[in-house]
Amino acid sequence: MPADIVAFPARRAAPEPNRDRLRRALDNLDTARLTQRDAIAGWRQALSDLQVATRALETRLEKFNGQLDRLQSDVTGLRDEASRMERWASAAERQQGS
């Protein structure tokens, strides 16, 4: 008895709507990836700008701190001079009262 050979079913190609959905999904994924890449580039630029701004602020704060130190020195000198003048005036009043 000869054997009956049954043909293996041939693979059917995916229906076109599935291919179209897959193509749209891949296109959307590519668009999202490009958008994300642009967003990351913008974020990196913003970080760089922030670093520049904070360095400039640090420089200004150091300058301001130096100015405050000089002002404190000037005020201390003026206070000392005022105290000296007050002592001189008190001594002069005492001499006039004598």
Protein backbone atom coordinates (compact mmCIF):
# COMPACT_ATOMS: atom_id res chain seq x y z
CA MET A 1 0.00 0.00 0.00
CA PRO A 2 1.49 3.22 -1.01
CA ALA A 3 1.58 5.99 1.59
CA ASP A 4 -0.45 9.07 1.10
CA ILE A 5 1.67 12.16 1.35
CA VAL A 6 -0.09 15.10 2.84
CA ALA A 7 1.33 18.48 1.89
CA PHE A 8 2.37 20.67 4.83
CA PRO A 9 0.25 23.78 4.81
CA ALA A 10 2.08 26.73 3.30
CA ARG A 11 2.70 29.72 5.50
CA ARG A 12 0.26 32.42 4.76
CA ALA A 13 1.48 35.97 4.45
CA ALA A 14 0.21 38.37 7.08
CA PRO A 15 -2.85 40.21 5.94
CA GLU A 16 -2.12 43.72 4.73
CA PRO A 17 -3.95 45.53 7.58
CA ASN A 18 -1.53 43.95 10.09
CA ARG A 19 1.46 45.08 8.04
CA ASP A 20 0.04 48.58 7.85
CA ARG A 21 -0.53 48.65 11.61
CA LEU A 22 3.01 47.41 12.21
CA ARG A 23 4.43 50.05 9.83
CA ARG A 24 2.45 52.82 11.59
CA ALA A 25 3.56 51.56 15.00
CA LEU A 26 7.21 51.52 13.90
CA ASP A 27 6.87 55.00 12.41
CA ASN A 28 5.35 56.27 15.66
CA LEU A 29 8.16 54.64 17.60
CA ASP A 30 10.76 56.33 15.39
CA THR A 31 9.00 59.68 15.87
CA ALA A 32 8.92 59.19 19.64
CA ARG A 33 12.61 58.27 19.66
CA LEU A 34 13.52 61.41 17.69
CA THR A 35 11.35 63.55 19.96
CA GLN A 36 13.02 62.04 23.01
CA ARG A 37 16.46 62.65 21.51
CA ASP A 38 15.57 66.31 20.93
CA ALA A 39 14.20 66.61 24.46
CA ILE A 40 17.38 65.14 25.95
CA ALA A 41 19.51 67.50 23.87
CA GLY A 42 17.42 70.43 25.13
CA TRP A 43 17.74 69.19 28.71
CA ARG A 44 21.52 68.93 28.37
CA GLN A 45 21.66 72.45 26.96
CA ALA A 46 19.54 73.72 29.84
CA LEU A 47 21.92 72.06 32.32
CA SER A 48 24.87 73.68 30.57
CA ASP A 49 23.15 77.08 30.68
CA LEU A 50 22.38 76.56 34.37
CA GLN A 51 26.02 75.73 35.05
CA VAL A 52 27.15 78.93 33.32
CA ALA A 53 24.57 80.97 35.27
CA THR A 54 25.56 79.47 38.61
CA ARG A 55 29.25 80.13 37.92
CA ALA A 56 28.43 83.75 37.12
CA LEU A 57 26.35 83.98 40.29
CA GLU A 58 29.20 82.48 42.31
CA THR A 59 31.59 85.09 40.91
CA ARG A 60 29.18 87.90 41.76
CA LEU A 61 28.61 86.54 45.26
CA GLU A 62 32.35 86.34 45.88
CA LYS A 63 32.70 89.96 44.72
CA PHE A 64 29.78 91.01 46.92
CA ASN A 65 31.31 89.16 49.88
CA GLY A 66 34.56 91.06 49.33
CA GLN A 67 32.67 94.34 49.25
CA LEU A 68 30.89 93.44 52.49
CA ASP A 69 34.24 92.65 54.13
CA ARG A 70 35.58 96.05 53.07
CA LEU A 71 32.40 97.75 54.30
CA GLN A 72 32.68 95.97 57.64
CA SER A 73 36.27 97.15 57.94
CA ASP A 74 35.26 100.71 57.08
CA VAL A 75 32.37 100.67 59.59
CA THR A 76 34.66 99.27 62.30
CA GLY A 77 37.17 102.04 61.58
CA LEU A 78 34.46 104.70 61.72
CA ARG A 79 33.09 103.27 64.98
CA ASP A 80 36.58 103.33 66.49
CA GLU A 81 37.09 106.91 65.30
CA ALA A 82 33.69 107.94 66.74
CA SER A 83 34.61 106.36 70.08
CA ARG A 84 37.95 108.19 70.05
CA MET A 85 36.22 111.49 69.30
CA GLU A 86 33.66 110.86 72.05
CA ARG A 87 36.44 110.22 74.57
CA TRP A 88 38.21 113.39 73.41
CA ALA A 89 34.98 115.42 73.75
CA SER A 90 34.35 114.03 77.24
CA ALA A 91 37.90 114.86 78.30
CA ALA A 92 37.50 118.40 76.89
CA GLU A 93 34.24 118.90 78.80
CA ARG A 94 35.89 117.76 82.01
CA GLN A 95 38.75 120.19 81.52
CA GLN A 96 36.37 123.08 80.87
CA GLY A 97 34.37 122.17 83.98
CA SER A 98 37.48 122.29 86.14
